C-alpha atoms as a PDB file:
ATOM      1  CA  MET A   1       0.000   0.000   0.000  1.00  0.00           C
ATOM      2  CA  ARG A   2       1.352   3.396  -0.982  1.00  0.00           C
ATOM      3  CA  LYS A   3       2.377   5.633   1.887  1.00  0.00           C
ATOM      4  CA  GLU A   4       3.699   9.185   2.114  1.00  0.00           C
ATOM      5  CA  TRP A   5       5.744  10.822   4.829  1.00  0.00           C
ATOM      6  CA  ASN A   6       4.684  14.473   4.927  1.00  0.00           C
ATOM      7  CA  GLY A   7       4.505  14.585   1.145  1.00  0.00           C
ATOM      8  CA  LYS A   8       7.668  12.519   0.566  1.00  0.00           C
ATOM      9  CA  ARG A   9       7.614   9.012  -0.814  1.00  0.00           C
ATOM     10  CA  TYR A  10      10.313   7.865   1.593  1.00  0.00           C
ATOM     11  CA  HIS A  11      10.714   7.877   5.378  1.00  0.00           C
ATOM     12  CA  SER A  12      13.138  10.780   5.722  1.00  0.00           C
ATOM     13  CA  LEU A  13      15.272  11.540   8.768  1.00  0.00           C
ATOM     14  CA  ASN A  14      13.645  14.965   9.010  1.00  0.00           C
ATOM     15  CA  TYR A  15      10.184  13.366   9.191  1.00  0.00           C
ATOM     16  CA  PHE A  16      11.353  10.821  11.761  1.00  0.00           C
ATOM     17  CA  LEU A  17      13.003  13.384  14.044  1.00  0.00           C
ATOM     18  CA  ARG A  18      10.096  15.830  13.897  1.00  0.00           C
ATOM     19  CA  ASN A  19       7.731  13.064  14.948  1.00  0.00           C
ATOM     20  CA  LYS A  20      10.036  11.848  17.708  1.00  0.00           C
ATOM     21  CA  PHE A  21      10.938  15.229  19.221  1.00  0.00           C
ATOM     22  CA  ASN A  22       8.052  17.437  17.984  1.00  0.00           C
ATOM     23  CA  GLU A  23      10.425  20.104  16.644  1.00  0.00           C
ATOM     24  CA  LYS A  24      13.218  20.658  14.151  1.00  0.00           C
ATOM     25  CA  ILE A  25      16.446  18.805  14.972  1.00  0.00           C
ATOM     26  CA  TYR A  26      19.871  19.651  13.509  1.00  0.00           C
ATOM     27  CA  LYS A  27      23.130  17.723  13.361  1.00  0.00           C
ATOM     28  CA  ILE A  28      26.300  19.222  14.791  1.00  0.00           C
ATOM     29  CA  SER A  29      29.234  17.387  13.191  1.00  0.00           C
ATOM     30  CA  LEU A  30      32.223  16.839  15.482  1.00  0.00           C
ATOM     31  CA  ASP A  31      35.789  15.591  15.096  1.00  0.00           C
ATOM     32  CA  GLY A  32      36.776  13.570  18.159  1.00  0.00           C
ATOM     33  CA  GLY A  33      40.461  13.544  17.218  1.00  0.00           C
ATOM     34  CA  PHE A  34      40.509   9.827  16.419  1.00  0.00           C
ATOM     35  CA  THR A  35      42.151   7.945  13.566  1.00  0.00           C
ATOM     36  CA  CYS A  36      41.319   4.687  11.797  1.00  0.00           C
ATOM     37  CA  PRO A  37      42.801   1.160  11.926  1.00  0.00           C
ATOM     38  CA  ASN A  38      43.345   1.068   8.181  1.00  0.00           C
ATOM     39  CA  ARG A  39      45.247   4.334   8.348  1.00  0.00           C
ATOM     40  CA  ASP A  40      47.529   3.750  11.325  1.00  0.00           C
ATOM     41  CA  GLY A  41      48.751   0.302  10.269  1.00  0.00           C
ATOM     42  CA  LYS A  42      46.701  -1.903  12.599  1.00  0.00           C
ATOM     43  CA  VAL A  43      44.704  -3.178   9.611  1.00  0.00           C
ATOM     44  CA  ALA A  44      46.287  -1.346   6.692  1.00  0.00           C
ATOM     45  CA  LYS A  45      47.811   1.957   5.625  1.00  0.00           C
ATOM     46  CA  GLY A  46      46.289   4.776   3.642  1.00  0.00           C
ATOM     47  CA  GLY A  47      42.619   4.313   4.547  1.00  0.00           C
ATOM     48  CA  CYS A  48      39.764   3.623   2.144  1.00  0.00           C
ATOM     49  CA  THR A  49      40.878   4.841  -1.267  1.00  0.00           C
ATOM     50  CA  PHE A  50      37.886   7.207  -1.613  1.00  0.00           C
ATOM     51  CA  CYS A  51      38.305   8.737   1.852  1.00  0.00           C
ATOM     52  CA  SER A  52      39.430  12.348   2.185  1.00  0.00           C
ATOM     53  CA  ALA A  53      42.301  13.517   4.357  1.00  0.00           C
ATOM     54  CA  ARG A  54      39.748  14.470   7.008  1.00  0.00           C
ATOM     55  CA  GLY A  55      38.361  10.964   7.281  1.00  0.00           C
ATOM     56  CA  SER A  56      34.996  11.803   5.675  1.00  0.00           C
ATOM     57  CA  GLY A  57      34.582  14.588   8.221  1.00  0.00           C
ATOM     58  CA  ASP A  58      35.041  17.479   5.818  1.00  0.00           C
ATOM     59  CA  TYR A  59      32.163  19.397   7.401  1.00  0.00           C
ATOM     60  CA  ALA A  60      32.954  18.520  11.007  1.00  0.00           C
ATOM     61  CA  GLY A  61      34.454  20.861  13.577  1.00  0.00           C
ATOM     62  CA  SER A  62      38.192  21.341  13.991  1.00  0.00           C
ATOM     63  CA  ARG A  63      39.990  18.648  15.962  1.00  0.00           C
ATOM     64  CA  ILE A  64      42.293  21.224  17.545  1.00  0.00           C
ATOM     65  CA  LEU A  65      39.262  22.433  19.531  1.00  0.00           C
ATOM     66  CA  SER A  66      37.567  20.708  22.456  1.00  0.00           C
ATOM     67  CA  ILE A  67      34.199  19.028  21.915  1.00  0.00           C
ATOM     68  CA  ASN A  68      32.559  21.946  23.725  1.00  0.00           C
ATOM     69  CA  GLU A  69      34.339  24.522  21.544  1.00  0.00           C
ATOM     70  CA  GLN A  70      33.551  22.635  18.334  1.00  0.00           C
ATOM     71  CA  PHE A  71      29.914  22.304  19.309  1.00  0.00           C
ATOM     72  CA  ASN A  72      29.470  25.997  20.034  1.00  0.00           C
ATOM     73  CA  ASP A  73      31.359  26.990  16.879  1.00  0.00           C
ATOM     74  CA  ARG A  74      29.165  24.807  14.626  1.00  0.00           C
ATOM     75  CA  LYS A  75      26.025  25.810  16.532  1.00  0.00           C
ATOM     76  CA  LYS A  76      26.670  29.507  15.793  1.00  0.00           C
ATOM     77  CA  MET A  77      26.856  28.672  12.093  1.00  0.00           C
ATOM     78  CA  MET A  78      23.543  26.786  12.310  1.00  0.00           C
ATOM     79  CA  GLU A  79      21.855  29.670  14.103  1.00  0.00           C
ATOM     80  CA  LYS A  80      22.593  31.975  11.160  1.00  0.00           C
ATOM     81  CA  LYS A  81      20.143  29.878   9.109  1.00  0.00           C
ATOM     82  CA  TRP A  82      17.770  28.520  11.748  1.00  0.00           C
ATOM     83  CA  LYS A  83      16.934  30.181  15.052  1.00  0.00           C
ATOM     84  CA  ASP A  84      15.014  27.404  16.753  1.00  0.00           C
ATOM     85  CA  GLY A  85      15.494  23.690  17.268  1.00  0.00           C
ATOM     86  CA  LYS A  86      17.557  21.153  19.141  1.00  0.00           C
ATOM     87  CA  TYR A  87      20.638  19.147  18.227  1.00  0.00           C
ATOM     88  CA  ILE A  88      22.213  15.785  17.518  1.00  0.00           C
ATOM     89  CA  ALA A  89      25.884  15.583  18.447  1.00  0.00           C
ATOM     90  CA  TYR A  90      27.399  13.671  15.530  1.00  0.00           C
ATOM     91  CA  PHE A  91      30.888  12.176  15.819  1.00  0.00           C
ATOM     92  CA  GLN A  92      31.562  12.033  12.092  1.00  0.00           C
ATOM     93  CA  ALA A  93      35.266  12.093  11.234  1.00  0.00           C
ATOM     94  CA  TYR A  94      37.336   8.897  11.078  1.00  0.00           C
ATOM     95  CA  THR A  95      36.475   5.961  13.408  1.00  0.00           C
ATOM     96  CA  ASN A  96      34.737   7.161  16.542  1.00  0.00           C
ATOM     97  CA  THR A  97      35.049   4.037  18.685  1.00  0.00           C
ATOM     98  CA  TYR A  98      38.762   3.603  17.991  1.00  0.00           C
ATOM     99  CA  ALA A  99      40.285   4.811  21.257  1.00  0.00           C
ATOM    100  CA  PRO A 100      40.535   3.734  24.912  1.00  0.00           C
ATOM    101  CA  VAL A 101      37.106   3.490  26.535  1.00  0.00           C
ATOM    102  CA  GLU A 102      37.769   6.229  29.084  1.00  0.00           C
ATOM    103  CA  GLU A 103      38.692   8.663  26.314  1.00  0.00           C
ATOM    104  CA  LEU A 104      35.540   7.722  24.427  1.00  0.00           C
ATOM    105  CA  ARG A 105      33.399   8.134  27.549  1.00  0.00           C
ATOM    106  CA  GLN A 106      34.811  11.592  28.267  1.00  0.00           C
ATOM    107  CA  LYS A 107      34.124  12.827  24.732  1.00  0.00           C
ATOM    108  CA  TYR A 108      30.668  11.280  24.435  1.00  0.00           C
ATOM    109  CA  GLU A 109      29.663  12.670  27.838  1.00  0.00           C
ATOM    110  CA  GLU A 110      30.969  16.122  26.943  1.00  0.00           C
ATOM    111  CA  ALA A 111      28.884  16.049  23.755  1.00  0.00           C
ATOM    112  CA  ILE A 112      25.585  14.960  25.310  1.00  0.00           C
ATOM    113  CA  LYS A 113      25.894  17.561  28.078  1.00  0.00           C
ATOM    114  CA  GLN A 114      25.804  20.429  25.579  1.00  0.00           C
ATOM    115  CA  GLU A 115      22.704  22.607  25.769  1.00  0.00           C
ATOM    116  CA  ASN A 116      19.729  21.307  23.757  1.00  0.00           C
ATOM    117  CA  VAL A 117      21.446  18.078  22.635  1.00  0.00           C
ATOM    118  CA  VAL A 118      18.759  15.402  22.422  1.00  0.00           C
ATOM    119  CA  ALA A 119      20.659  12.622  20.649  1.00  0.00           C
ATOM    120  CA  LEU A 120      24.098  11.223  19.899  1.00  0.00           C
ATOM    121  CA  SER A 121      25.241   9.724  16.580  1.00  0.00           C
ATOM    122  CA  ILE A 122      28.537   7.830  16.354  1.00  0.00           C
ATOM    123  CA  ALA A 123      30.089   6.838  13.021  1.00  0.00           C
ATOM    124  CA  THR A 124      32.451   3.871  13.177  1.00  0.00           C
ATOM    125  CA  ARG A 125      33.619   0.571  11.696  1.00  0.00           C
ATOM    126  CA  PRO A 126      32.313  -2.897  12.632  1.00  0.00           C
ATOM    127  CA  ASP A 127      35.857  -4.065  13.418  1.00  0.00           C
ATOM    128  CA  CYS A 128      36.148  -1.408  16.145  1.00  0.00           C
ATOM    129  CA  LEU A 129      33.446  -2.703  18.463  1.00  0.00           C
ATOM    130  CA  ASP A 130      35.319  -4.429  21.264  1.00  0.00           C
ATOM    131  CA  ASP A 131      33.178  -5.662  24.140  1.00  0.00           C
ATOM    132  CA  ASP A 132      34.154  -2.793  26.457  1.00  0.00           C
ATOM    133  CA  VAL A 133      33.235  -0.286  23.733  1.00  0.00           C
ATOM    134  CA  VAL A 134      29.839  -1.927  23.219  1.00  0.00           C
ATOM    135  CA  ASP A 135      29.342  -1.849  27.009  1.00  0.00           C
ATOM    136  CA  LEU A 136      29.948   1.900  26.902  1.00  0.00           C
ATOM    137  CA  LEU A 137      27.574   2.412  23.967  1.00  0.00           C
ATOM    138  CA  GLU A 138      24.866   0.537  25.834  1.00  0.00           C
ATOM    139  CA  GLU A 139      25.520   2.727  28.889  1.00  0.00           C
ATOM    140  CA  ILE A 140      25.250   5.917  26.808  1.00  0.00           C
ATOM    141  CA  SER A 141      22.079   4.673  25.090  1.00  0.00           C
ATOM    142  CA  LYS A 142      20.374   4.673  28.495  1.00  0.00           C
ATOM    143  CA  LYS A 143      21.229   8.364  28.961  1.00  0.00           C
ATOM    144  CA  THR A 144      20.240   9.760  25.563  1.00  0.00           C
ATOM    145  CA  TYR A 145      18.835   8.692  22.214  1.00  0.00           C
ATOM    146  CA  LEU A 146      21.715   6.998  20.382  1.00  0.00           C
ATOM    147  CA  TRP A 147      22.389   5.434  17.047  1.00  0.00           C
ATOM    148  CA  VAL A 148      25.625   3.998  15.660  1.00  0.00           C
ATOM    149  CA  GLU A 149      26.499   4.478  11.983  1.00  0.00           C
ATOM    150  CA  LEU A 150      28.388   1.570  10.421  1.00  0.00           C
ATOM    151  CA  GLY A 151      30.280   1.948   7.159  1.00  0.00           C
ATOM    152  CA  LEU A 152      29.411  -1.078   5.055  1.00  0.00           C
ATOM    153  CA  GLN A 153      29.491   0.524   1.575  1.00  0.00           C
ATOM    154  CA  THR A 154      29.135  -2.879  -0.153  1.00  0.00           C
ATOM    155  CA  ILE A 155      28.598  -6.540   0.718  1.00  0.00           C
ATOM    156  CA  ASN A 156      30.983  -7.491  -2.096  1.00  0.00           C
ATOM    157  CA  ASP A 157      34.321  -8.474  -0.520  1.00  0.00           C
ATOM    158  CA  GLU A 158      36.182  -8.141  -3.823  1.00  0.00           C
ATOM    159  CA  SER A 159      34.994  -4.551  -4.181  1.00  0.00           C
ATOM    160  CA  ALA A 160      35.872  -3.890  -0.544  1.00  0.00           C
ATOM    161  CA  ARG A 161      39.426  -5.134  -1.031  1.00  0.00           C
ATOM    162  CA  ASN A 162      39.649  -2.951  -4.119  1.00  0.00           C
ATOM    163  CA  PHE A 163      39.032   0.219  -2.077  1.00  0.00           C
ATOM    164  CA  ASN A 164      40.989  -1.015   0.972  1.00  0.00           C
ATOM    165  CA  ARG A 165      38.079  -1.283   3.416  1.00  0.00           C
ATOM    166  CA  GLY A 166      40.141  -3.537   5.636  1.00  0.00           C
ATOM    167  CA  TYR A 167      37.512  -6.028   6.782  1.00  0.00           C
ATOM    168  CA  ASP A 168      35.351  -8.757   5.246  1.00  0.00           C
ATOM    169  CA  PHE A 169      31.556  -8.789   5.082  1.00  0.00           C
ATOM    170  CA  LYS A 170      31.357 -11.402   7.847  1.00  0.00           C
ATOM    171  CA  VAL A 171      33.006  -8.879  10.202  1.00  0.00           C
ATOM    172  CA  PHE A 172      30.194  -6.444   9.449  1.00  0.00           C
ATOM    173  CA  GLU A 173      27.614  -9.111  10.234  1.00  0.00           C
ATOM    174  CA  GLU A 174      29.322  -9.808  13.561  1.00  0.00           C
ATOM    175  CA  GLY A 175      29.517  -6.098  14.390  1.00  0.00           C
ATOM    176  CA  ILE A 176      25.892  -5.278  13.678  1.00  0.00           C
ATOM    177  CA  LYS A 177      24.795  -8.302  15.728  1.00  0.00           C
ATOM    178  CA  LYS A 178      26.843  -7.083  18.709  1.00  0.00           C
ATOM    179  CA  LEU A 179      24.989  -3.781  18.643  1.00  0.00           C
ATOM    180  CA  GLN A 180      21.588  -5.323  18.060  1.00  0.00           C
ATOM    181  CA  ASP A 181      22.087  -7.721  20.968  1.00  0.00           C
ATOM    182  CA  ARG A 182      22.307  -4.592  23.196  1.00  0.00           C
ATOM    183  CA  ASN A 183      19.303  -2.915  21.537  1.00  0.00           C
ATOM    184  CA  ILE A 184      21.526  -0.200  20.066  1.00  0.00           C
ATOM    185  CA  GLU A 185      20.082   1.347  16.907  1.00  0.00           C
ATOM    186  CA  VAL A 186      22.138   1.052  13.726  1.00  0.00           C
ATOM    187  CA  VAL A 187      22.339   3.125  10.546  1.00  0.00           C
ATOM    188  CA  VAL A 188      24.170   1.490   7.621  1.00  0.00           C
ATOM    189  CA  HIS A 189      26.174   3.413   5.005  1.00  0.00           C
ATOM    190  CA  THR A 190      26.111   2.247   1.382  1.00  0.00           C
ATOM    191  CA  ILE A 191      27.884   3.714  -1.652  1.00  0.00           C
ATOM    192  CA  PHE A 192      26.686   3.637  -5.254  1.00  0.00           C
ATOM    193  CA  GLY A 193      29.372   3.879  -7.913  1.00  0.00           C
ATOM    194  CA  LEU A 194      32.310   1.961  -6.438  1.00  0.00           C
ATOM    195  CA  PRO A 195      34.896   0.769  -9.003  1.00  0.00           C
ATOM    196  CA  GLY A 196      33.919  -2.435 -10.777  1.00  0.00           C
ATOM    197  CA  GLU A 197      30.418  -2.676  -9.310  1.00  0.00           C
ATOM    198  CA  THR A 198      27.378  -3.199 -11.509  1.00  0.00           C
ATOM    199  CA  LYS A 199      23.910  -1.883 -10.689  1.00  0.00           C
ATOM    200  CA  GLU A 200      23.026  -5.422  -9.622  1.00  0.00           C
ATOM    201  CA  ASP A 201      25.955  -5.455  -7.170  1.00  0.00           C
ATOM    202  CA  MET A 202      24.845  -2.153  -5.660  1.00  0.00           C
ATOM    203  CA  LEU A 203      21.248  -3.271  -5.245  1.00  0.00           C
ATOM    204  CA  LYS A 204      22.332  -6.551  -3.638  1.00  0.00           C
ATOM    205  CA  THR A 205      23.896  -4.437  -0.896  1.00  0.00           C
ATOM    206  CA  VAL A 206      20.611  -2.548  -0.456  1.00  0.00           C
ATOM    207  CA  ASP A 207      18.743  -5.849  -0.261  1.00  0.00           C
ATOM    208  CA  TYR A 208      21.059  -6.992   2.524  1.00  0.00           C
ATOM    209  CA  VAL A 209      20.569  -3.754   4.477  1.00  0.00           C
ATOM    210  CA  ALA A 210      16.792  -3.991   3.985  1.00  0.00           C
ATOM    211  CA  HIS A 211      16.791  -7.332   5.817  1.00  0.00           C
ATOM    212  CA  SER A 212      19.591  -6.633   8.314  1.00  0.00           C
ATOM    213  CA  GLY A 213      17.380  -5.293  11.091  1.00  0.00           C
ATOM    214  CA  ALA A 214      19.051  -1.877  10.876  1.00  0.00           C
ATOM    215  CA  GLN A 215      16.903   1.113  11.787  1.00  0.00           C
ATOM    216  CA  GLY A 216      18.329   3.407   9.127  1.00  0.00           C
ATOM    217  CA  ILE A 217      20.246   3.636   5.864  1.00  0.00           C
ATOM    218  CA  LYS A 218      22.459   6.238   4.220  1.00  0.00           C
ATOM    219  CA  PHE A 219      22.679   6.164   0.438  1.00  0.00           C
ATOM    220  CA  HIS A 220      25.911   7.772  -0.717  1.00  0.00           C
ATOM    221  CA  LEU A 221      27.092   8.705  -4.173  1.00  0.00           C
ATOM    222  CA  LEU A 222      30.772   7.953  -4.716  1.00  0.00           C
ATOM    223  CA  HIS A 223      32.562  11.298  -4.796  1.00  0.00           C
ATOM    224  CA  LEU A 224      36.004  11.365  -6.326  1.00  0.00           C
ATOM    225  CA  MET A 225      38.144  13.904  -4.494  1.00  0.00           C
ATOM    226  CA  SER A 226      41.601  15.210  -5.253  1.00  0.00           C
ATOM    227  CA  GLY A 227      44.338  13.799  -3.063  1.00  0.00           C
ATOM    228  CA  THR A 228      42.639  10.422  -2.636  1.00  0.00           C
ATOM    229  CA  GLN A 229      44.146   7.152  -3.837  1.00  0.00           C
ATOM    230  CA  MET A 230      41.108   6.420  -5.988  1.00  0.00           C
ATOM    231  CA  VAL A 231      42.125   9.185  -8.399  1.00  0.00           C
ATOM    232  CA  LYS A 232      44.698   6.757  -9.847  1.00  0.00           C
ATOM    233  CA  GLN A 233      41.938   4.269 -10.680  1.00  0.00           C
ATOM    234  CA  TYR A 234      39.964   7.032 -12.385  1.00  0.00           C
ATOM    235  CA  GLU A 235      42.949   8.142 -14.430  1.00  0.00           C
ATOM    236  CA  SER A 236      43.699   4.551 -15.496  1.00  0.00           C
ATOM    237  CA  GLY A 237      40.085   3.994 -16.608  1.00  0.00           C
ATOM    238  CA  GLU A 238      39.211   1.514 -13.827  1.00  0.00           C
ATOM    239  CA  LEU A 239      36.548   3.865 -12.461  1.00  0.00           C
ATOM    240  CA  LYS A 240      33.660   5.372 -14.385  1.00  0.00           C
ATOM    241  CA  LEU A 241      31.640   7.961 -12.483  1.00  0.00           C
ATOM    242  CA  LEU A 242      27.868   7.540 -12.348  1.00  0.00           C
ATOM    243  CA  SER A 243      25.628   9.829 -14.371  1.00  0.00           C
ATOM    244  CA  GLN A 244      22.872  11.691 -12.592  1.00  0.00           C
ATOM    245  CA  GLU A 245      20.284   9.612 -14.460  1.00  0.00           C
ATOM    246  CA  ASP A 246      21.851   6.303 -13.364  1.00  0.00           C
ATOM    247  CA  TYR A 247      22.164   7.472  -9.774  1.00  0.00           C
ATOM    248  CA  ILE A 248      18.520   8.555  -9.592  1.00  0.00           C
ATOM    249  CA  ASP A 249      17.458   5.224 -11.074  1.00  0.00           C
ATOM    250  CA  LEU A 250      19.477   3.357  -8.423  1.00  0.00           C
ATOM    251  CA  ILE A 251      18.079   5.494  -5.596  1.00  0.00           C
ATOM    252  CA  CYS A 252      14.495   4.914  -6.727  1.00  0.00           C
ATOM    253  CA  LYS A 253      15.060   1.160  -6.956  1.00  0.00           C
ATOM    254  CA  GLY A 254      16.786   1.169  -3.567  1.00  0.00           C
ATOM    255  CA  ILE A 255      13.982   3.111  -1.868  1.00  0.00           C
ATOM    256  CA  ALA A 256      11.430   0.625  -3.188  1.00  0.00           C
ATOM    257  CA  MET A 257      13.432  -2.273  -1.713  1.00  0.00           C
ATOM    258  CA  ILE A 258      13.660  -1.156   1.931  1.00  0.00           C
ATOM    259  CA  PRO A 259      10.937  -1.565   4.582  1.00  0.00           C
ATOM    260  CA  GLN A 260       8.709   1.392   5.376  1.00  0.00           C
ATOM    261  CA  ASP A 261       9.888   1.692   8.980  1.00  0.00           C
ATOM    262  CA  MET A 262      13.543   2.090   7.962  1.00  0.00           C
ATOM    263  CA  VAL A 263      14.661   5.725   8.181  1.00  0.00           C
ATOM    264  CA  VAL A 264      16.421   7.186   5.138  1.00  0.00           C
ATOM    265  CA  HIS A 265      19.165   9.349   6.643  1.00  0.00           C
ATOM    266  CA  ARG A 266      20.655  10.445   3.327  1.00  0.00           C
ATOM    267  CA  LEU A 267      19.949  10.200  -0.393  1.00  0.00           C
ATOM    268  CA  THR A 268      23.199  11.693  -1.630  1.00  0.00           C
ATOM    269  CA  GLY A 269      26.397  13.003  -0.103  1.00  0.00           C
ATOM    270  CA  ASP A 270      28.349  16.235  -0.019  1.00  0.00           C
ATOM    271  CA  ALA A 271      31.898  16.918  -1.097  1.00  0.00           C
ATOM    272  CA  PRO A 272      33.806  20.213  -0.905  1.00  0.00           C
ATOM    273  CA  ARG A 273      33.667  22.009  -4.258  1.00  0.00           C
ATOM    274  CA  GLU A 274      37.368  22.830  -4.155  1.00  0.00           C
ATOM    275  CA  SER A 275      38.429  19.166  -3.938  1.00  0.00           C
ATOM    276  CA  LEU A 276      35.700  17.472  -6.000  1.00  0.00           C
ATOM    277  CA  ILE A 277      36.826  15.851  -9.253  1.00  0.00           C
ATOM    278  CA  GLY A 278      33.406  14.364  -9.968  1.00  0.00           C
ATOM    279  CA  PRO A 279      30.602  13.765 -10.550  1.00  0.00           C
ATOM    280  CA  MET A 280      30.254  17.540 -10.868  1.00  0.00           C
ATOM    281  CA  TRP A 281      26.448  17.327 -11.135  1.00  0.00           C
ATOM    282  CA  SER A 282      26.420  16.340  -7.463  1.00  0.00           C
ATOM    283  CA  LEU A 283      27.253  19.928  -6.478  1.00  0.00           C
ATOM    284  CA  LYS A 284      23.642  20.875  -7.272  1.00  0.00           C
ATOM    285  CA  LYS A 285      22.328  18.912  -4.309  1.00  0.00           C
ATOM    286  CA  TRP A 286      18.810  20.346  -4.197  1.00  0.00           C
ATOM    287  CA  GLU A 287      18.361  19.797  -7.909  1.00  0.00           C
ATOM    288  CA  VAL A 288      19.336  16.151  -7.420  1.00  0.00           C
ATOM    289  CA  LEU A 289      16.968  15.704  -4.463  1.00  0.00           C
ATOM    290  CA  ASN A 290      14.129  17.348  -6.390  1.00  0.00           C
ATOM    291  CA  ALA A 291      14.839  15.112  -9.380  1.00  0.00           C
ATOM    292  CA  ILE A 292      14.639  12.052  -7.109  1.00  0.00           C
ATOM    293  CA  ASP A 293      11.272  13.214  -5.741  1.00  0.00           C
ATOM    294  CA  LYS A 294      10.000  13.745  -9.283  1.00  0.00           C
ATOM    295  CA  ALA A 295      11.218  10.330 -10.471  1.00  0.00           C
ATOM    296  CA  LEU A 296       9.489   8.629  -7.533  1.00  0.00           C
ATOM    297  CA  VAL A 297       6.190  10.293  -8.461  1.00  0.00           C
ATOM    298  CA  ASP A 298       6.558   9.822 -12.226  1.00  0.00           C
ATOM    299  CA  ASN A 299       7.251   6.105 -11.809  1.00  0.00           C
ATOM    300  CA  ASP A 300       4.809   5.561  -8.921  1.00  0.00           C
ATOM    301  CA  ILE A 301       7.623   4.369  -6.630  1.00  0.00           C
ATOM    302  CA  TYR A 302       7.494   4.625  -2.830  1.00  0.00           C
ATOM    303  CA  GLN A 303       9.467   3.186   0.025  1.00  0.00           C
ATOM    304  CA  GLY A 304       8.672  -0.452   0.608  1.00  0.00           C
ATOM    305  CA  LYS A 305       6.863  -0.989  -2.696  1.00  0.00           C
ATOM    306  CA  ASN A 306       9.125  -3.914  -3.595  1.00  0.00           C
ATOM    307  CA  TYR A 307      10.187  -4.957  -0.109  1.00  0.00           C
ATOM    308  CA  ILE A 308       9.752  -8.676   0.477  1.00  0.00           C
ATOM    309  CA  GLU A 309      10.113 -10.141   3.960  1.00  0.00           C
ATOM    310  CA  LYS A 310      12.502 -13.076   4.267  1.00  0.00           C
END
């Protein structure tokens, strides 16, 4: 049965948060000063080949500042656009469970104590969920609304090795189960456009996420940025960037595949204009989002239309 979420044909994060908190909620992106196990040599060197120098935290606060200082700095920027609302403290850059537990506790606690913070979001890797870390996440989840964002990107291990993810799919399955066993909500990141992947490969990843028990999904477009290792693959012809038409087609198919209670946290990503090599059409974010909305209507697609329980 067709459903709409405040005029949208998908269950957006904005819709979900407004219904949960009865007001507008904004994300404050933070840099906890962490690194990543496939950057520091524990797993590998160099990081994922698409990842920027800032560990996908290009819009986060500055790591030379305290969590409190970062929060207030980013909050002032938000208040220039929007005067009212409350906040999610979002640990975005690098791997935000990759540190001693006491350091993690101090930074998480500092974040959730900021004025008008109603939730905490922590982006990490499934291979950085030691038992003491999961204990801490469970503890924090009893103090504030929490979700953990796991970078899957693809279920295809060959593709993952190609971009130096540093763990196999089975590790992801183990990690998400650890969180779910503690009733910790999970948001899964996927990427469309990875080198060597077909549309069928990309949609197989969506199908897995749809049946994973995760509460949310982030659809990302692969952005090729200067200074990343993936540029070499692009220059050698191993990587072909997605067209806007192909990306919209994939998003529409993906939306139809996921259950209606899954929250869509993102339909496309952002990359700094000054470092973006392509796709350049992605810079017109609102045009892309509007084109997705139009394609959903034109093709009578809505979230859950093709979802099949297993």
